[in-house]
Amino acid sequence: MNSKIFMIIRIILGLFMLIFGLNKFLNFLPAPEGMSEAAGAYFGALISAKVIILVGIVEVLAGLALIFNKYGALLALILMSVSVNIVLFHITLNPEGIGPGLAVLILNILVLYGYKAKYKDLLAG
């Protein structure tokens, strides 16, 4: 992958994660409207169990790591679990809002592909 294209994709994903991660603490984006009752219950459980704080921390750290390209390969790998869960949430509980989640997953896959040289030792048997 071209290094300039990879840098743009990495920074876009980093900004996505930084903005949505900070939103979990500062609530500056409006809450999505029209969520199902099950989706609301799911978010309520995440908030009451304080899991949403951990997700926010991971998103902020991953965003900063990707923007500044420090430990980006590690955080992109960790962020994959968040990306998959975003898509699974939307597939099962809120299909109408799946667009941004799919964008995050696709960007995350592209970033992982861009860092593929960093994973060679990890994947070597």
N, C-alpha and C. Protein backbone atom coordinates (compact mmCIF):
# COMPACT_ATOMS: atom_id res chain seq x y z
N MET A 1 0.85 -1.17 0.00
CA MET A 1 0.00 0.00 0.00
C MET A 1 0.90 1.24 0.00
N ASN A 2 0.55 2.21 -0.78
CA ASN A 2 1.28 3.47 -0.87
C ASN A 2 1.34 4.11 0.52
N SER A 3 2.52 4.60 0.89
CA SER A 3 2.69 5.13 2.25
C SER A 3 1.83 6.37 2.52
N LYS A 4 1.61 7.20 1.51
CA LYS A 4 0.77 8.37 1.72
C LYS A 4 -0.70 7.99 1.89
N ILE A 5 -1.15 7.02 1.11
CA ILE A 5 -2.53 6.54 1.25
C ILE A 5 -2.72 5.89 2.61
N PHE A 6 -1.73 5.09 3.03
CA PHE A 6 -1.80 4.45 4.34
C PHE A 6 -1.85 5.50 5.44
N MET A 7 -1.04 6.54 5.32
CA MET A 7 -1.03 7.60 6.33
C MET A 7 -2.40 8.28 6.42
N ILE A 8 -3.02 8.55 5.29
CA ILE A 8 -4.34 9.19 5.28
C ILE A 8 -5.38 8.28 5.93
N ILE A 9 -5.38 7.00 5.56
CA ILE A 9 -6.33 6.05 6.14
C ILE A 9 -6.11 5.92 7.64
N ARG A 10 -4.85 5.84 8.05
CA ARG A 10 -4.50 5.71 9.47
C ARG A 10 -4.98 6.93 10.26
N ILE A 11 -4.78 8.12 9.72
CA ILE A 11 -5.18 9.33 10.42
C ILE A 11 -6.71 9.46 10.46
N ILE A 12 -7.39 9.10 9.37
CA ILE A 12 -8.86 9.15 9.38
C ILE A 12 -9.42 8.21 10.44
N LEU A 13 -8.90 6.98 10.49
CA LEU A 13 -9.36 6.04 11.52
C LEU A 13 -9.02 6.57 12.91
N GLY A 14 -7.83 7.14 13.06
CA GLY A 14 -7.44 7.70 14.35
C GLY A 14 -8.37 8.83 14.79
N LEU A 15 -8.75 9.69 13.86
CA LEU A 15 -9.67 10.78 14.19
C LEU A 15 -11.05 10.25 14.56
N PHE A 16 -11.53 9.26 13.79
CA PHE A 16 -12.81 8.62 14.13
C PHE A 16 -12.78 8.11 15.57
N MET A 17 -11.74 7.36 15.90
CA MET A 17 -11.66 6.75 17.22
C MET A 17 -11.48 7.80 18.30
N LEU A 18 -10.69 8.81 18.04
CA LEU A 18 -10.49 9.86 19.04
C LEU A 18 -11.79 10.60 19.31
N ILE A 19 -12.51 10.98 18.27
CA ILE A 19 -13.76 11.72 18.44
C ILE A 19 -14.81 10.87 19.16
N PHE A 20 -15.02 9.63 18.69
CA PHE A 20 -16.04 8.80 19.32
C PHE A 20 -15.63 8.34 20.72
N GLY A 21 -14.33 8.17 20.95
CA GLY A 21 -13.86 7.83 22.28
C GLY A 21 -14.05 8.97 23.27
N LEU A 22 -13.68 10.19 22.85
CA LEU A 22 -13.89 11.36 23.71
C LEU A 22 -15.36 11.62 23.96
N ASN A 23 -16.20 11.30 22.98
CA ASN A 23 -17.64 11.50 23.16
C ASN A 23 -18.19 10.65 24.30
N LYS A 24 -17.58 9.53 24.58
CA LYS A 24 -18.04 8.67 25.68
C LYS A 24 -17.84 9.34 27.03
N PHE A 25 -16.90 10.30 27.10
CA PHE A 25 -16.64 11.01 28.34
C PHE A 25 -17.28 12.40 28.37
N LEU A 26 -17.32 13.08 27.22
CA LEU A 26 -17.73 14.47 27.18
C LEU A 26 -19.14 14.68 26.61
N ASN A 27 -19.70 13.69 25.96
CA ASN A 27 -21.06 13.73 25.40
C ASN A 27 -21.32 14.98 24.55
N PHE A 28 -20.47 15.25 23.58
CA PHE A 28 -20.66 16.43 22.73
C PHE A 28 -21.39 16.11 21.43
N LEU A 29 -21.56 14.83 21.10
CA LEU A 29 -22.35 14.44 19.93
C LEU A 29 -23.75 14.07 20.38
N PRO A 30 -24.76 14.41 19.59
CA PRO A 30 -26.13 14.06 19.99
C PRO A 30 -26.33 12.54 19.99
N ALA A 31 -27.13 12.08 20.92
CA ALA A 31 -27.43 10.65 21.00
C ALA A 31 -28.23 10.23 19.76
N PRO A 32 -27.97 9.06 19.24
CA PRO A 32 -28.72 8.61 18.05
C PRO A 32 -30.20 8.44 18.39
N GLU A 33 -31.02 8.82 17.45
CA GLU A 33 -32.47 8.72 17.65
C GLU A 33 -33.00 7.46 16.98
N GLY A 34 -34.11 6.95 17.49
CA GLY A 34 -34.78 5.83 16.87
C GLY A 34 -34.15 4.48 17.14
N MET A 35 -33.37 4.37 18.23
CA MET A 35 -32.80 3.06 18.56
C MET A 35 -33.89 2.17 19.12
N SER A 36 -33.75 0.89 18.88
CA SER A 36 -34.72 -0.07 19.41
C SER A 36 -34.60 -0.15 20.93
N GLU A 37 -35.61 -0.73 21.53
CA GLU A 37 -35.58 -0.89 22.99
C GLU A 37 -34.43 -1.79 23.41
N ALA A 38 -34.17 -2.83 22.62
CA ALA A 38 -33.07 -3.75 22.93
C ALA A 38 -31.72 -3.04 22.86
N ALA A 39 -31.55 -2.16 21.86
CA ALA A 39 -30.30 -1.41 21.73
C ALA A 39 -30.12 -0.47 22.92
N GLY A 40 -31.20 0.17 23.34
CA GLY A 40 -31.15 1.05 24.51
C GLY A 40 -30.80 0.29 25.77
N ALA A 41 -31.36 -0.90 25.92
CA ALA A 41 -31.07 -1.74 27.08
C ALA A 41 -29.60 -2.17 27.08
N TYR A 42 -29.09 -2.49 25.89
CA TYR A 42 -27.69 -2.89 25.75
C TYR A 42 -26.77 -1.75 26.19
N PHE A 43 -27.03 -0.53 25.68
CA PHE A 43 -26.22 0.62 26.06
C PHE A 43 -26.36 0.92 27.55
N GLY A 44 -27.56 0.76 28.08
CA GLY A 44 -27.76 0.96 29.51
C GLY A 44 -26.92 0.00 30.34
N ALA A 45 -26.85 -1.24 29.90
CA ALA A 45 -26.03 -2.23 30.60
C ALA A 45 -24.55 -1.87 30.51
N LEU A 46 -24.10 -1.44 29.34
CA LEU A 46 -22.69 -1.04 29.18
C LEU A 46 -22.35 0.13 30.09
N ILE A 47 -23.27 1.08 30.18
CA ILE A 47 -23.02 2.27 31.01
C ILE A 47 -23.04 1.91 32.49
N SER A 48 -24.02 1.13 32.92
CA SER A 48 -24.12 0.80 34.34
C SER A 48 -22.98 -0.10 34.80
N ALA A 49 -22.45 -0.93 33.91
CA ALA A 49 -21.33 -1.80 34.27
C ALA A 49 -19.97 -1.12 34.07
N LYS A 50 -19.98 0.13 33.63
CA LYS A 50 -18.78 0.93 33.39
C LYS A 50 -17.90 0.37 32.27
N VAL A 51 -18.44 -0.51 31.46
CA VAL A 51 -17.70 -1.06 30.32
C VAL A 51 -17.48 0.02 29.27
N ILE A 52 -18.41 0.93 29.16
CA ILE A 52 -18.31 1.99 28.17
C ILE A 52 -17.08 2.87 28.43
N ILE A 53 -16.67 2.99 29.69
CA ILE A 53 -15.47 3.75 30.03
C ILE A 53 -14.23 3.05 29.47
N LEU A 54 -14.17 1.73 29.61
CA LEU A 54 -13.04 0.97 29.06
C LEU A 54 -13.00 1.09 27.54
N VAL A 55 -14.15 1.00 26.90
CA VAL A 55 -14.22 1.14 25.44
C VAL A 55 -13.75 2.53 25.04
N GLY A 56 -14.18 3.55 25.77
CA GLY A 56 -13.76 4.92 25.48
C GLY A 56 -12.26 5.10 25.63
N ILE A 57 -11.68 4.50 26.66
CA ILE A 57 -10.23 4.59 26.87
C ILE A 57 -9.49 3.93 25.71
N VAL A 58 -9.94 2.73 25.31
CA VAL A 58 -9.31 2.03 24.19
C VAL A 58 -9.42 2.85 22.92
N GLU A 59 -10.59 3.44 22.68
CA GLU A 59 -10.77 4.23 21.47
C GLU A 59 -9.89 5.48 21.46
N VAL A 60 -9.78 6.16 22.59
CA VAL A 60 -8.93 7.35 22.66
C VAL A 60 -7.47 6.98 22.48
N LEU A 61 -7.01 5.94 23.17
CA LEU A 61 -5.62 5.51 23.03
C LEU A 61 -5.31 5.07 21.60
N ALA A 62 -6.22 4.31 21.01
CA ALA A 62 -6.02 3.85 19.64
C ALA A 62 -6.01 5.04 18.68
N GLY A 63 -6.90 5.99 18.88
CA GLY A 63 -6.93 7.18 18.03
C GLY A 63 -5.63 7.95 18.09
N LEU A 64 -5.14 8.18 19.30
CA LEU A 64 -3.87 8.90 19.45
C LEU A 64 -2.71 8.12 18.85
N ALA A 65 -2.69 6.81 19.09
CA ALA A 65 -1.60 5.98 18.55
C ALA A 65 -1.60 6.00 17.03
N LEU A 66 -2.77 5.95 16.43
CA LEU A 66 -2.84 5.96 14.97
C LEU A 66 -2.51 7.33 14.40
N ILE A 67 -2.95 8.38 15.03
CA ILE A 67 -2.66 9.73 14.54
C ILE A 67 -1.17 10.02 14.61
N PHE A 68 -0.53 9.67 15.74
CA PHE A 68 0.90 9.96 15.93
C PHE A 68 1.82 8.82 15.48
N ASN A 69 1.23 7.72 15.02
CA ASN A 69 1.97 6.56 14.51
C ASN A 69 2.95 6.00 15.54
N LYS A 70 2.54 5.97 16.78
CA LYS A 70 3.31 5.36 17.86
C LYS A 70 2.48 4.21 18.42
N TYR A 71 3.00 3.01 18.34
CA TYR A 71 2.29 1.79 18.76
C TYR A 71 1.00 1.60 17.97
N GLY A 72 0.95 2.13 16.77
CA GLY A 72 -0.23 2.03 15.93
C GLY A 72 -0.57 0.60 15.57
N ALA A 73 0.45 -0.20 15.29
CA ALA A 73 0.20 -1.60 14.90
C ALA A 73 -0.45 -2.36 16.05
N LEU A 74 0.01 -2.14 17.26
CA LEU A 74 -0.56 -2.81 18.43
C LEU A 74 -1.99 -2.36 18.68
N LEU A 75 -2.22 -1.04 18.67
CA LEU A 75 -3.55 -0.53 18.96
C LEU A 75 -4.53 -0.83 17.84
N ALA A 76 -4.06 -0.92 16.60
CA ALA A 76 -4.96 -1.30 15.50
C ALA A 76 -5.45 -2.73 15.70
N LEU A 77 -4.56 -3.59 16.21
CA LEU A 77 -4.94 -4.98 16.49
C LEU A 77 -5.95 -5.04 17.63
N ILE A 78 -5.71 -4.28 18.69
CA ILE A 78 -6.64 -4.25 19.82
C ILE A 78 -7.97 -3.62 19.40
N LEU A 79 -7.90 -2.60 18.56
CA LEU A 79 -9.10 -1.90 18.09
C LEU A 79 -9.99 -2.79 17.24
N MET A 80 -9.44 -3.84 16.67
CA MET A 80 -10.24 -4.73 15.83
C MET A 80 -11.40 -5.34 16.64
N SER A 81 -11.19 -5.63 17.90
CA SER A 81 -12.28 -6.18 18.72
C SER A 81 -13.40 -5.16 18.89
N VAL A 82 -13.04 -3.90 19.03
CA VAL A 82 -14.06 -2.84 19.14
C VAL A 82 -14.79 -2.70 17.82
N SER A 83 -14.06 -2.71 16.71
CA SER A 83 -14.66 -2.55 15.38
C SER A 83 -15.66 -3.67 15.09
N VAL A 84 -15.28 -4.89 15.39
CA VAL A 84 -16.17 -6.03 15.14
C VAL A 84 -17.41 -5.91 16.01
N ASN A 85 -17.25 -5.50 17.26
CA ASN A 85 -18.41 -5.36 18.15
C ASN A 85 -19.34 -4.24 17.71
N ILE A 86 -18.79 -3.17 17.15
CA ILE A 86 -19.65 -2.10 16.62
C ILE A 86 -20.54 -2.65 15.52
N VAL A 87 -19.94 -3.40 14.60
CA VAL A 87 -20.71 -3.95 13.47
C VAL A 87 -21.71 -4.99 13.97
N LEU A 88 -21.31 -5.85 14.89
CA LEU A 88 -22.24 -6.85 15.42
C LEU A 88 -23.42 -6.19 16.15
N PHE A 89 -23.14 -5.12 16.90
CA PHE A 89 -24.22 -4.38 17.56
C PHE A 89 -25.23 -3.89 16.53
N HIS A 90 -24.72 -3.30 15.45
CA HIS A 90 -25.63 -2.75 14.45
C HIS A 90 -26.35 -3.84 13.66
N ILE A 91 -25.69 -4.93 13.38
CA ILE A 91 -26.35 -6.02 12.65
C ILE A 91 -27.51 -6.58 13.47
N THR A 92 -27.28 -6.75 14.77
CA THR A 92 -28.29 -7.42 15.59
C THR A 92 -29.31 -6.48 16.22
N LEU A 93 -28.90 -5.26 16.60
CA LEU A 93 -29.80 -4.41 17.37
C LEU A 93 -30.20 -3.10 16.71
N ASN A 94 -29.40 -2.59 15.77
CA ASN A 94 -29.70 -1.29 15.20
C ASN A 94 -29.18 -1.22 13.76
N PRO A 95 -29.78 -1.99 12.84
CA PRO A 95 -29.25 -2.06 11.47
C PRO A 95 -29.27 -0.73 10.72
N GLU A 96 -30.13 0.20 11.12
CA GLU A 96 -30.23 1.46 10.39
C GLU A 96 -28.96 2.30 10.49
N GLY A 97 -28.23 2.19 11.58
CA GLY A 97 -27.05 3.02 11.79
C GLY A 97 -25.73 2.32 11.53
N ILE A 98 -25.73 1.33 10.67
CA ILE A 98 -24.54 0.51 10.48
C ILE A 98 -23.44 1.19 9.66
N GLY A 99 -23.76 2.25 8.92
CA GLY A 99 -22.80 2.89 8.02
C GLY A 99 -21.48 3.28 8.67
N PRO A 100 -21.50 4.10 9.71
CA PRO A 100 -20.23 4.49 10.35
C PRO A 100 -19.48 3.29 10.93
N GLY A 101 -20.22 2.31 11.46
CA GLY A 101 -19.57 1.12 12.01
C GLY A 101 -18.85 0.32 10.94
N LEU A 102 -19.49 0.19 9.78
CA LEU A 102 -18.83 -0.50 8.67
C LEU A 102 -17.61 0.28 8.20
N ALA A 103 -17.70 1.60 8.19
CA ALA A 103 -16.56 2.42 7.79
C ALA A 103 -15.39 2.20 8.73
N VAL A 104 -15.66 2.15 10.03
CA VAL A 104 -14.60 1.92 11.02
C VAL A 104 -13.98 0.54 10.81
N LEU A 105 -14.80 -0.48 10.59
CA LEU A 105 -14.28 -1.83 10.37
C LEU A 105 -13.42 -1.90 9.12
N ILE A 106 -13.87 -1.31 8.03
CA ILE A 106 -13.11 -1.34 6.78
C ILE A 106 -11.79 -0.57 6.95
N LEU A 107 -11.86 0.61 7.57
CA LEU A 107 -10.63 1.37 7.81
C LEU A 107 -9.67 0.60 8.70
N ASN A 108 -10.20 -0.08 9.70
CA ASN A 108 -9.35 -0.87 10.60
C ASN A 108 -8.68 -2.01 9.84
N ILE A 109 -9.41 -2.68 8.98
CA ILE A 109 -8.82 -3.76 8.18
C ILE A 109 -7.72 -3.21 7.27
N LEU A 110 -7.98 -2.06 6.66
CA LEU A 110 -6.96 -1.45 5.79
C LEU A 110 -5.72 -1.05 6.58
N VAL A 111 -5.91 -0.54 7.78
CA VAL A 111 -4.76 -0.17 8.62
C VAL A 111 -3.98 -1.42 9.03
N LEU A 112 -4.69 -2.48 9.39
CA LEU A 112 -4.01 -3.73 9.72
C LEU A 112 -3.20 -4.23 8.53
N TYR A 113 -3.77 -4.12 7.34
CA TYR A 113 -3.06 -4.51 6.13
C TYR A 113 -1.83 -3.63 5.92
N GLY A 114 -1.95 -2.35 6.20
CA GLY A 114 -0.82 -1.44 6.07
C GLY A 114 0.31 -1.75 7.04
N TYR A 115 -0.03 -2.30 8.18
CA TYR A 115 0.96 -2.67 9.19
C TYR A 115 1.40 -4.14 9.07
N LYS A 116 1.04 -4.80 7.98
CA LYS A 116 1.26 -6.25 7.88
C LYS A 116 2.70 -6.66 8.12
N ALA A 117 3.66 -5.83 7.75
CA ALA A 117 5.07 -6.18 7.97
C ALA A 117 5.38 -6.28 9.47
N LYS A 118 4.67 -5.53 10.28
CA LYS A 118 4.91 -5.56 11.74
C LYS A 118 4.39 -6.85 12.38
N TYR A 119 3.50 -7.56 11.69
CA TYR A 119 2.89 -8.76 12.26
C TYR A 119 3.57 -10.04 11.80
N LYS A 120 4.58 -9.96 10.93
CA LYS A 120 5.20 -11.17 10.38
C LYS A 120 5.77 -12.07 11.48
N ASP A 121 6.48 -11.51 12.45
CA ASP A 121 7.03 -12.33 13.52
C ASP A 121 5.94 -12.91 14.41
N LEU A 122 4.89 -12.14 14.60
CA LEU A 122 3.77 -12.60 15.42
C LEU A 122 3.07 -13.79 14.79
N LEU A 123 2.95 -13.76 13.47
CA LEU A 123 2.22 -14.81 12.75
C LEU A 123 3.11 -15.97 12.31
N ALA A 124 4.41 -15.83 12.49
CA ALA A 124 5.31 -16.93 12.12
C ALA A 124 5.18 -18.05 13.16
N GLY A 125 5.04 -19.27 12.68
CA GLY A 125 4.84 -20.41 13.58
C GLY A 125 6.05 -20.77 14.26
